[in-house]
């Protein structure tokens, strides 16, 4: 599957102790949109993604979108991180 578009909405929650750096929407093969993917910074400065979740009636967070393929998850992560760095003017590794 090819990611054909990435929209990134950066924000910084670090002043209140948060680690979310942006929310992203991706388009897959000009056919499917996934909205609300969070880009989160680890304590060591790395970046990972969290697919959208909802709260169940029992107060438990449940995945709405779940990737079953680690390669696809990494492709999504890389596309979001690259777009985030482009928008924020950060040099890529």
PDB file of N, CA and C in Angstrom:
ATOM      1  N   UNK A   1       0.836  -1.178   0.000  1.00  0.00           N
ATOM      2  CA  UNK A   1       0.000   0.000   0.000  1.00  0.00           C
ATOM      3  C   UNK A   1       0.879   1.239   0.000  1.00  0.00           C
ATOM      4  N   UNK A   2       0.471   2.206  -0.792  1.00  0.00           N
ATOM      5  CA  UNK A   2       1.250   3.422  -0.920  1.00  0.00           C
ATOM      6  C   UNK A   2       0.537   4.590  -0.226  1.00  0.00           C
ATOM      7  N   UNK A   3       1.287   5.323   0.555  1.00  0.00           N
ATOM      8  CA  UNK A   3       0.756   6.522   1.207  1.00  0.00           C
ATOM      9  C   UNK A   3       0.882   7.660   0.199  1.00  0.00           C
ATOM     10  N   UNK A   4      -0.253   8.232  -0.205  1.00  0.00           N
ATOM     11  CA  UNK A   4      -0.243   9.244  -1.252  1.00  0.00           C
ATOM     12  C   UNK A   4      -0.317  10.671  -0.722  1.00  0.00           C
ATOM     13  N   UNK A   5      -0.656  10.863   0.550  1.00  0.00           N
ATOM     14  CA  UNK A   5      -0.686  12.209   1.126  1.00  0.00           C
ATOM     15  C   UNK A   5      -0.578  12.125   2.638  1.00  0.00           C
ATOM     16  N   UNK A   6       0.103  13.115   3.200  1.00  0.00           N
ATOM     17  CA  UNK A   6       0.222  13.232   4.661  1.00  0.00           C
ATOM     18  C   UNK A   6      -0.050  14.683   5.025  1.00  0.00           C
ATOM     19  N   UNK A   7      -0.981  14.892   5.940  1.00  0.00           N
ATOM     20  CA  UNK A   7      -1.224  16.221   6.492  1.00  0.00           C
ATOM     21  C   UNK A   7      -0.819  16.172   7.953  1.00  0.00           C
ATOM     22  N   UNK A   8      -0.037  17.158   8.358  1.00  0.00           N
ATOM     23  CA  UNK A   8       0.495  17.162   9.724  1.00  0.00           C
ATOM     24  C   UNK A   8       0.016  18.420  10.440  1.00  0.00           C
ATOM     25  N   UNK A   9      -0.395  18.263  11.681  1.00  0.00           N
ATOM     26  CA  UNK A   9      -0.856  19.371  12.511  1.00  0.00           C
ATOM     27  C   UNK A   9       0.006  19.394  13.772  1.00  0.00           C
ATOM     28  N   UNK A  10       1.146  20.114  13.695  1.00  0.00           N
ATOM     29  CA  UNK A  10       2.071  20.103  14.837  1.00  0.00           C
ATOM     30  C   UNK A  10       1.572  20.958  16.001  1.00  0.00           C
ATOM     31  N   UNK A  11       1.892  20.522  17.187  1.00  0.00           N
ATOM     32  CA  UNK A  11       1.689  21.314  18.385  1.00  0.00           C
ATOM     33  C   UNK A  11       2.593  20.759  19.465  1.00  0.00           C
ATOM     34  N   UNK A  12       2.804  21.531  20.496  1.00  0.00           N
ATOM     35  CA  UNK A  12       3.763  21.131  21.528  1.00  0.00           C
ATOM     36  C   UNK A  12       3.068  21.087  22.875  1.00  0.00           C
ATOM     37  N   UNK A  13       3.003  19.905  23.461  1.00  0.00           N
ATOM     38  CA  UNK A  13       2.389  19.752  24.778  1.00  0.00           C
ATOM     39  C   UNK A  13       3.436  19.630  25.881  1.00  0.00           C
ATOM     40  N   UNK A  14       4.714  19.896  25.557  1.00  0.00           N
ATOM     41  CA  UNK A  14       5.781  19.671  26.538  1.00  0.00           C
ATOM     42  C   UNK A  14       5.661  20.586  27.753  1.00  0.00           C
ATOM     43  N   UNK A  15       5.131  21.792  27.570  1.00  0.00           N
ATOM     44  CA  UNK A  15       5.040  22.715  28.715  1.00  0.00           C
ATOM     45  C   UNK A  15       4.057  22.217  29.773  1.00  0.00           C
ATOM     46  N   UNK A  16       3.162  21.318  29.392  1.00  0.00           N
ATOM     47  CA  UNK A  16       2.239  20.747  30.379  1.00  0.00           C
ATOM     48  C   UNK A  16       2.580  19.281  30.671  1.00  0.00           C
ATOM     49  N   UNK A  17       3.769  18.874  30.254  1.00  0.00           N
ATOM     50  CA  UNK A  17       4.230  17.522  30.545  1.00  0.00           C
ATOM     51  C   UNK A  17       3.866  16.479  29.517  1.00  0.00           C
ATOM     52  N   UNK A  18       3.253  16.882  28.413  1.00  0.00           N
ATOM     53  CA  UNK A  18       2.860  15.927  27.373  1.00  0.00           C
ATOM     54  C   UNK A  18       3.978  15.674  26.385  1.00  0.00           C
ATOM     55  N   UNK A  19       3.846  14.603  25.627  1.00  0.00           N
ATOM     56  CA  UNK A  19       4.864  14.265  24.634  1.00  0.00           C
ATOM     57  C   UNK A  19       4.304  14.176  23.222  1.00  0.00           C
ATOM     58  N   UNK A  20       3.031  14.537  23.031  1.00  0.00           N
ATOM     59  CA  UNK A  20       2.460  14.550  21.689  1.00  0.00           C
ATOM     60  C   UNK A  20       3.036  15.750  20.956  1.00  0.00           C
ATOM     61  N   UNK A  21       3.591  15.508  19.774  1.00  0.00           N
ATOM     62  CA  UNK A  21       4.223  16.575  18.995  1.00  0.00           C
ATOM     63  C   UNK A  21       3.386  16.989  17.794  1.00  0.00           C
ATOM     64  N   UNK A  22       2.500  16.089  17.329  1.00  0.00           N
ATOM     65  CA  UNK A  22       1.651  16.407  16.185  1.00  0.00           C
ATOM     66  C   UNK A  22       0.545  15.362  16.060  1.00  0.00           C
ATOM     67  N   UNK A  23      -0.458  15.734  15.283  1.00  0.00           N
ATOM     68  CA  UNK A  23      -1.490  14.794  14.861  1.00  0.00           C
ATOM     69  C   UNK A  23      -1.443  14.787  13.339  1.00  0.00           C
ATOM     70  N   UNK A  24      -1.593  13.618  12.747  1.00  0.00           N
ATOM     71  CA  UNK A  24      -1.482  13.494  11.296  1.00  0.00           C
ATOM     72  C   UNK A  24      -2.697  12.785  10.713  1.00  0.00           C
ATOM     73  N   UNK A  25      -2.984  13.144   9.467  1.00  0.00           N
ATOM     74  CA  UNK A  25      -3.965  12.428   8.657  1.00  0.00           C
ATOM     75  C   UNK A  25      -3.206  11.899   7.450  1.00  0.00           C
ATOM     76  N   UNK A  26      -3.461  10.649   7.075  1.00  0.00           N
ATOM     77  CA  UNK A  26      -2.798  10.095   5.902  1.00  0.00           C
ATOM     78  C   UNK A  26      -3.839   9.607   4.899  1.00  0.00           C
ATOM     79  N   UNK A  27      -3.448   9.624   3.639  1.00  0.00           N
ATOM     80  CA  UNK A  27      -4.287   9.075   2.565  1.00  0.00           C
ATOM     81  C   UNK A  27      -3.520   7.904   1.978  1.00  0.00           C
ATOM     82  N   UNK A  28      -4.198   6.770   1.851  1.00  0.00           N
ATOM     83  CA  UNK A  28      -3.584   5.560   1.310  1.00  0.00           C
ATOM     84  C   UNK A  28      -4.163   5.315  -0.079  1.00  0.00           C
ATOM     85  N   UNK A  29      -3.253   5.300  -1.056  1.00  0.00           N
ATOM     86  CA  UNK A  29      -3.594   5.030  -2.463  1.00  0.00           C
ATOM     87  C   UNK A  29      -4.784   5.854  -2.952  1.00  0.00           C
ATOM     88  N   UNK A  30      -4.858   7.106  -2.535  1.00  0.00           N
ATOM     89  CA  UNK A  30      -5.934   8.019  -2.940  1.00  0.00           C
ATOM     90  C   UNK A  30      -7.325   7.430  -2.708  1.00  0.00           C
ATOM     91  N   UNK A  31      -7.433   6.519  -1.733  1.00  0.00           N
ATOM     92  CA  UNK A  31      -8.688   5.811  -1.529  1.00  0.00           C
ATOM     93  C   UNK A  31      -9.174   5.836  -0.078  1.00  0.00           C
ATOM     94  N   UNK A  32      -8.253   5.709   0.854  1.00  0.00           N
ATOM     95  CA  UNK A  32      -8.609   5.570   2.265  1.00  0.00           C
ATOM     96  C   UNK A  32      -7.907   6.642   3.079  1.00  0.00           C
ATOM     97  N   UNK A  33      -8.653   7.309   3.970  1.00  0.00           N
ATOM     98  CA  UNK A  33      -8.086   8.325   4.849  1.00  0.00           C
ATOM     99  C   UNK A  33      -8.108   7.800   6.277  1.00  0.00           C
ATOM    100  N   UNK A  34      -6.976   7.941   6.956  1.00  0.00           N
ATOM    101  CA  UNK A  34      -6.911   7.645   8.391  1.00  0.00           C
ATOM    102  C   UNK A  34      -6.583   8.963   9.079  1.00  0.00           C
ATOM    103  N   UNK A  35      -7.475   9.413   9.950  1.00  0.00           N
ATOM    104  CA  UNK A  35      -7.308  10.695  10.639  1.00  0.00           C
ATOM    105  C   UNK A  35      -6.970  10.460  12.101  1.00  0.00           C
ATOM    106  N   UNK A  36      -6.213  11.397  12.650  1.00  0.00           N
ATOM    107  CA  UNK A  36      -5.978  11.390  14.088  1.00  0.00           C
ATOM    108  C   UNK A  36      -4.849  10.491  14.561  1.00  0.00           C
ATOM    109  N   UNK A  37      -3.837  10.264  13.731  1.00  0.00           N
ATOM    110  CA  UNK A  37      -2.676   9.482  14.153  1.00  0.00           C
ATOM    111  C   UNK A  37      -1.769  10.419  14.954  1.00  0.00           C
ATOM    112  N   UNK A  38      -1.454  10.060  16.173  1.00  0.00           N
ATOM    113  CA  UNK A  38      -0.613  10.913  17.020  1.00  0.00           C
ATOM    114  C   UNK A  38       0.861  10.594  16.814  1.00  0.00           C
ATOM    115  N   UNK A  39       1.670  11.648  16.771  1.00  0.00           N
ATOM    116  CA  UNK A  39       3.123  11.515  16.732  1.00  0.00           C
ATOM    117  C   UNK A  39       3.623  11.873  18.123  1.00  0.00           C
ATOM    118  N   UNK A  40       4.265  10.921  18.781  1.00  0.00           N
ATOM    119  CA  UNK A  40       4.654  11.055  20.178  1.00  0.00           C
ATOM    120  C   UNK A  40       6.162  10.921  20.312  1.00  0.00           C
ATOM    121  N   UNK A  41       6.742  11.795  21.124  1.00  0.00           N
ATOM    122  CA  UNK A  41       8.185  11.758  21.370  1.00  0.00           C
ATOM    123  C   UNK A  41       8.471  10.923  22.616  1.00  0.00           C
ATOM    124  N   UNK A  42       9.443  10.013  22.512  1.00  0.00           N
ATOM    125  CA  UNK A  42       9.833   9.196  23.662  1.00  0.00           C
ATOM    126  C   UNK A  42      10.700  10.022  24.611  1.00  0.00           C
ATOM    127  N   UNK A  43      10.964   9.486  25.771  1.00  0.00           N
ATOM    128  CA  UNK A  43      11.834  10.162  26.743  1.00  0.00           C
ATOM    129  C   UNK A  43      13.246  10.337  26.199  1.00  0.00           C
ATOM    130  N   UNK A  44      13.629   9.494  25.238  1.00  0.00           N
ATOM    131  CA  UNK A  44      14.981   9.536  24.687  1.00  0.00           C
ATOM    132  C   UNK A  44      15.046  10.306  23.371  1.00  0.00           C
ATOM    133  N   UNK A  45      13.943  10.964  22.973  1.00  0.00           N
ATOM    134  CA  UNK A  45      13.945  11.795  21.778  1.00  0.00           C
ATOM    135  C   UNK A  45      13.487  11.116  20.504  1.00  0.00           C
ATOM    136  N   UNK A  46      13.194   9.826  20.549  1.00  0.00           N
ATOM    137  CA  UNK A  46      12.684   9.129  19.366  1.00  0.00           C
ATOM    138  C   UNK A  46      11.224   9.490  19.127  1.00  0.00           C
ATOM    139  N   UNK A  47      10.719   9.172  17.952  1.00  0.00           N
ATOM    140  CA  UNK A  47       9.334   9.469  17.609  1.00  0.00           C
ATOM    141  C   UNK A  47       8.613   8.186  17.206  1.00  0.00           C
ATOM    142  N   UNK A  48       7.421   7.994  17.750  1.00  0.00           N
ATOM    143  CA  UNK A  48       6.599   6.853  17.351  1.00  0.00           C
ATOM    144  C   UNK A  48       5.179   7.333  17.097  1.00  0.00           C
ATOM    145  N   UNK A  49       4.370   6.482  16.491  1.00  0.00           N
ATOM    146  CA  UNK A  49       2.993   6.849  16.186  1.00  0.00           C
ATOM    147  C   UNK A  49       2.027   6.028  17.020  1.00  0.00           C
ATOM    148  N   UNK A  50       0.860   6.601  17.213  1.00  0.00           N
ATOM    149  CA  UNK A  50      -0.227   5.912  17.881  1.00  0.00           C
ATOM    150  C   UNK A  50      -1.474   6.068  17.025  1.00  0.00           C
ATOM    151  N   UNK A  51      -1.993   4.953  16.533  1.00  0.00           N
ATOM    152  CA  UNK A  51      -3.199   4.996  15.714  1.00  0.00           C
ATOM    153  C   UNK A  51      -4.392   5.416  16.576  1.00  0.00           C
ATOM    154  N   UNK A  52      -5.465   5.908  15.965  1.00  0.00           N
ATOM    155  CA  UNK A  52      -6.625   6.395  16.720  1.00  0.00           C
ATOM    156  C   UNK A  52      -7.216   5.336  17.650  1.00  0.00           C
ATOM    157  N   UNK A  53      -7.697   5.820  18.787  1.00  0.00           N
ATOM    158  CA  UNK A  53      -8.327   4.964  19.793  1.00  0.00           C
ATOM    159  C   UNK A  53      -9.639   5.592  20.222  1.00  0.00           C
ATOM    160  N   UNK A  54     -10.492   4.811  20.843  1.00  0.00           N
ATOM    161  CA  UNK A  54     -11.712   5.335  21.455  1.00  0.00           C
ATOM    162  C   UNK A  54     -11.822   4.733  22.845  1.00  0.00           C
ATOM    163  N   UNK A  55     -12.630   5.351  23.657  1.00  0.00           N
ATOM    164  CA  UNK A  55     -12.834   4.853  25.015  1.00  0.00           C
ATOM    165  C   UNK A  55     -14.086   3.983  25.014  1.00  0.00           C
ATOM    166  N   UNK A  56     -13.949   2.770  25.535  1.00  0.00           N
ATOM    167  CA  UNK A  56     -15.097   1.862  25.606  1.00  0.00           C
ATOM    168  C   UNK A  56     -16.015   2.281  26.752  1.00  0.00           C
ATOM    169  N   UNK A  57     -17.147   1.640  26.855  1.00  0.00           N
ATOM    170  CA  UNK A  57     -18.099   1.941  27.929  1.00  0.00           C
ATOM    171  C   UNK A  57     -17.524   1.623  29.305  1.00  0.00           C
ATOM    172  N   UNK A  58     -16.468   0.794  29.342  1.00  0.00           N
ATOM    173  CA  UNK A  58     -15.816   0.444  30.609  1.00  0.00           C
ATOM    174  C   UNK A  58     -14.624   1.332  30.905  1.00  0.00           C
ATOM    175  N   UNK A  59     -14.404   2.365  30.052  1.00  0.00           N
ATOM    176  CA  UNK A  59     -13.309   3.305  30.278  1.00  0.00           C
ATOM    177  C   UNK A  59     -11.952   2.819  29.793  1.00  0.00           C
ATOM    178  N   UNK A  60     -11.935   1.782  28.977  1.00  0.00           N
ATOM    179  CA  UNK A  60     -10.695   1.221  28.444  1.00  0.00           C
ATOM    180  C   UNK A  60     -10.487   1.752  27.033  1.00  0.00           C
ATOM    181  N   UNK A  61      -9.239   2.127  26.707  1.00  0.00           N
ATOM    182  CA  UNK A  61      -8.930   2.583  25.354  1.00  0.00           C
ATOM    183  C   UNK A  61      -8.837   1.384  24.416  1.00  0.00           C
ATOM    184  N   UNK A  62      -9.530   1.489  23.284  1.00  0.00           N
ATOM    185  CA  UNK A  62      -9.584   0.417  22.301  1.00  0.00           C
ATOM    186  C   UNK A  62      -9.132   0.981  20.951  1.00  0.00           C
ATOM    187  N   UNK A  63      -8.263   0.226  20.251  1.00  0.00           N
ATOM    188  CA  UNK A  63      -7.811   0.665  18.937  1.00  0.00           C
ATOM    189  C   UNK A  63      -8.974   0.712  17.957  1.00  0.00           C
ATOM    190  N   UNK A  64      -9.049   1.799  17.195  1.00  0.00           N
ATOM    191  CA  UNK A  64     -10.010   1.894  16.102  1.00  0.00           C
ATOM    192  C   UNK A  64      -9.360   1.349  14.840  1.00  0.00           C
ATOM    193  N   UNK A  65      -8.098   1.700  14.645  1.00  0.00           N
ATOM    194  CA  UNK A  65      -7.296   1.234  13.517  1.00  0.00           C
ATOM    195  C   UNK A  65      -6.143   0.420  14.082  1.00  0.00           C
ATOM    196  N   UNK A  66      -5.895  -0.736  13.512  1.00  0.00           N
ATOM    197  CA  UNK A  66      -4.784  -1.564  13.976  1.00  0.00           C
ATOM    198  C   UNK A  66      -4.080  -2.159  12.764  1.00  0.00           C
ATOM    199  N   UNK A  67      -2.790  -1.881  12.644  1.00  0.00           N
ATOM    200  CA  UNK A  67      -2.009  -2.441  11.559  1.00  0.00           C
ATOM    201  C   UNK A  67      -1.537  -3.840  11.952  1.00  0.00           C
ATOM    202  N   UNK A  68      -1.712  -4.780  11.050  1.00  0.00           N
ATOM    203  CA  UNK A  68      -1.271  -6.153  11.297  1.00  0.00           C
ATOM    204  C   UNK A  68       0.081  -6.434  10.650  1.00  0.00           C
ATOM    205  N   UNK A  69       0.628  -5.430   9.988  1.00  0.00           N
ATOM    206  CA  UNK A  69       1.876  -5.580   9.257  1.00  0.00           C
ATOM    207  C   UNK A  69       2.881  -4.553   9.771  1.00  0.00           C
ATOM    208  N   UNK A  70       3.956  -5.038  10.383  1.00  0.00           N
ATOM    209  CA  UNK A  70       4.964  -4.133  10.939  1.00  0.00           C
ATOM    210  C   UNK A  70       5.615  -3.265   9.873  1.00  0.00           C
ATOM    211  N   UNK A  71       5.777  -3.781   8.673  1.00  0.00           N
ATOM    212  CA  UNK A  71       6.360  -2.996   7.582  1.00  0.00           C
ATOM    213  C   UNK A  71       5.464  -1.809   7.232  1.00  0.00           C
ATOM    214  N   UNK A  72       4.162  -2.042   7.185  1.00  0.00           N
ATOM    215  CA  UNK A  72       3.231  -0.960   6.896  1.00  0.00           C
ATOM    216  C   UNK A  72       3.244   0.078   8.011  1.00  0.00           C
ATOM    217  N   UNK A  73       3.269  -0.368   9.248  1.00  0.00           N
ATOM    218  CA  UNK A  73       3.328   0.557  10.381  1.00  0.00           C
ATOM    219  C   UNK A  73       4.574   1.426  10.283  1.00  0.00           C
ATOM    220  N   UNK A  74       5.700   0.833   9.949  1.00  0.00           N
ATOM    221  CA  UNK A  74       6.944   1.591   9.812  1.00  0.00           C
ATOM    222  C   UNK A  74       6.865   2.550   8.628  1.00  0.00           C
ATOM    223  N   UNK A  75       6.220   2.145   7.547  1.00  0.00           N
ATOM    224  CA  UNK A  75       6.037   3.031   6.393  1.00  0.00           C
ATOM    225  C   UNK A  75       5.204   4.259   6.795  1.00  0.00           C
ATOM    226  N   UNK A  76       4.157   4.050   7.552  1.00  0.00           N
ATOM    227  CA  UNK A  76       3.315   5.148   8.027  1.00  0.00           C
ATOM    228  C   UNK A  76       4.111   6.047   8.966  1.00  0.00           C
ATOM    229  N   UNK A  77       4.834   5.445   9.908  1.00  0.00           N
ATOM    230  CA  UNK A  77       5.636   6.213  10.854  1.00  0.00           C
ATOM    231  C   UNK A  77       6.657   7.072  10.128  1.00  0.00           C
ATOM    232  N   UNK A  78       7.361   6.479   9.177  1.00  0.00           N
ATOM    233  CA  UNK A  78       8.398   7.203   8.437  1.00  0.00           C
ATOM    234  C   UNK A  78       7.802   8.380   7.660  1.00  0.00           C
ATOM    235  N   UNK A  79       6.656   8.153   7.006  1.00  0.00           N
ATOM    236  CA  UNK A  79       6.005   9.215   6.238  1.00  0.00           C
ATOM    237  C   UNK A  79       5.582  10.366   7.147  1.00  0.00           C
ATOM    238  N   UNK A  80       5.049  10.051   8.314  1.00  0.00           N
ATOM    239  CA  UNK A  80       4.606  11.086   9.255  1.00  0.00           C
ATOM    240  C   UNK A  80       5.801  11.825   9.845  1.00  0.00           C
ATOM    241  N   UNK A  81       6.825  11.100  10.257  1.00  0.00           N
ATOM    242  CA  UNK A  81       8.026  11.736  10.821  1.00  0.00           C
ATOM    243  C   UNK A  81       8.692  12.634   9.778  1.00  0.00           C
ATOM    244  N   UNK A  82       8.820  12.155   8.553  1.00  0.00           N
ATOM    245  CA  UNK A  82       9.434  12.959   7.491  1.00  0.00           C
ATOM    246  C   UNK A  82       8.653  14.245   7.252  1.00  0.00           C
ATOM    247  N   UNK A  83       7.331  14.146   7.194  1.00  0.00           N
ATOM    248  CA  UNK A  83       6.500  15.336   6.973  1.00  0.00           C
ATOM    249  C   UNK A  83       6.598  16.291   8.157  1.00  0.00           C
ATOM    250  N   UNK A  84       6.629  15.748   9.368  1.00  0.00           N
ATOM    251  CA  UNK A  84       6.761  16.570  10.574  1.00  0.00           C
ATOM    252  C   UNK A  84       8.080  17.350  10.541  1.00  0.00           C
ATOM    253  N   UNK A  85       9.153  16.663  10.221  1.00  0.00           N
ATOM    254  CA  UNK A  85      10.459  17.327  10.162  1.00  0.00           C
ATOM    255  C   UNK A  85      10.491  18.385   9.064  1.00  0.00           C
ATOM    256  N   UNK A  86       9.845  18.105   7.939  1.00  0.00           N
ATOM    257  CA  UNK A  86       9.775  19.085   6.850  1.00  0.00           C
ATOM    258  C   UNK A  86       9.030  20.345   7.303  1.00  0.00           C
ATOM    259  N   UNK A  87       7.873  20.147   7.910  1.00  0.00           N
ATOM    260  CA  UNK A  87       7.057  21.278   8.361  1.00  0.00           C
ATOM    261  C   UNK A  87       7.757  22.077   9.461  1.00  0.00           C
ATOM    262  N   UNK A  88       8.456  21.382  10.339  1.00  0.00           N
ATOM    263  CA  UNK A  88       9.108  22.051  11.473  1.00  0.00           C
ATOM    264  C   UNK A  88      10.503  22.558  11.120  1.00  0.00           C
ATOM    265  N   UNK A  89      10.993  22.257   9.917  1.00  0.00           N
ATOM    266  CA  UNK A  89      12.318  22.703   9.507  1.00  0.00           C
ATOM    267  C   UNK A  89      13.447  21.992  10.222  1.00  0.00           C
ATOM    268  N   UNK A  90      13.228  20.721  10.548  1.00  0.00           N
ATOM    269  CA  UNK A  90      14.226  19.895  11.241  1.00  0.00           C
ATOM    270  C   UNK A  90      14.962  19.071  10.203  1.00  0.00           C
ATOM    271  N   UNK A  91      16.288  19.018  10.314  1.00  0.00           N
ATOM    272  CA  UNK A  91      17.094  18.212   9.391  1.00  0.00           C
ATOM    273  C   UNK A  91      16.786  16.726   9.613  1.00  0.00           C
ATOM    274  N   UNK A  92      16.622  15.976   8.523  1.00  0.00           N
ATOM    275  CA  UNK A  92      16.409  14.526   8.628  1.00  0.00           C
ATOM    276  C   UNK A  92      17.716  13.823   8.944  1.00  0.00           C
ATOM    277  N   UNK A  93      17.572  12.652   9.548  1.00  0.00           N
ATOM    278  CA  UNK A  93      18.746  11.842   9.923  1.00  0.00           C
ATOM    279  C   UNK A  93      19.509  11.385   8.715  1.00  0.00           C
TER     280      UNK A  93
END
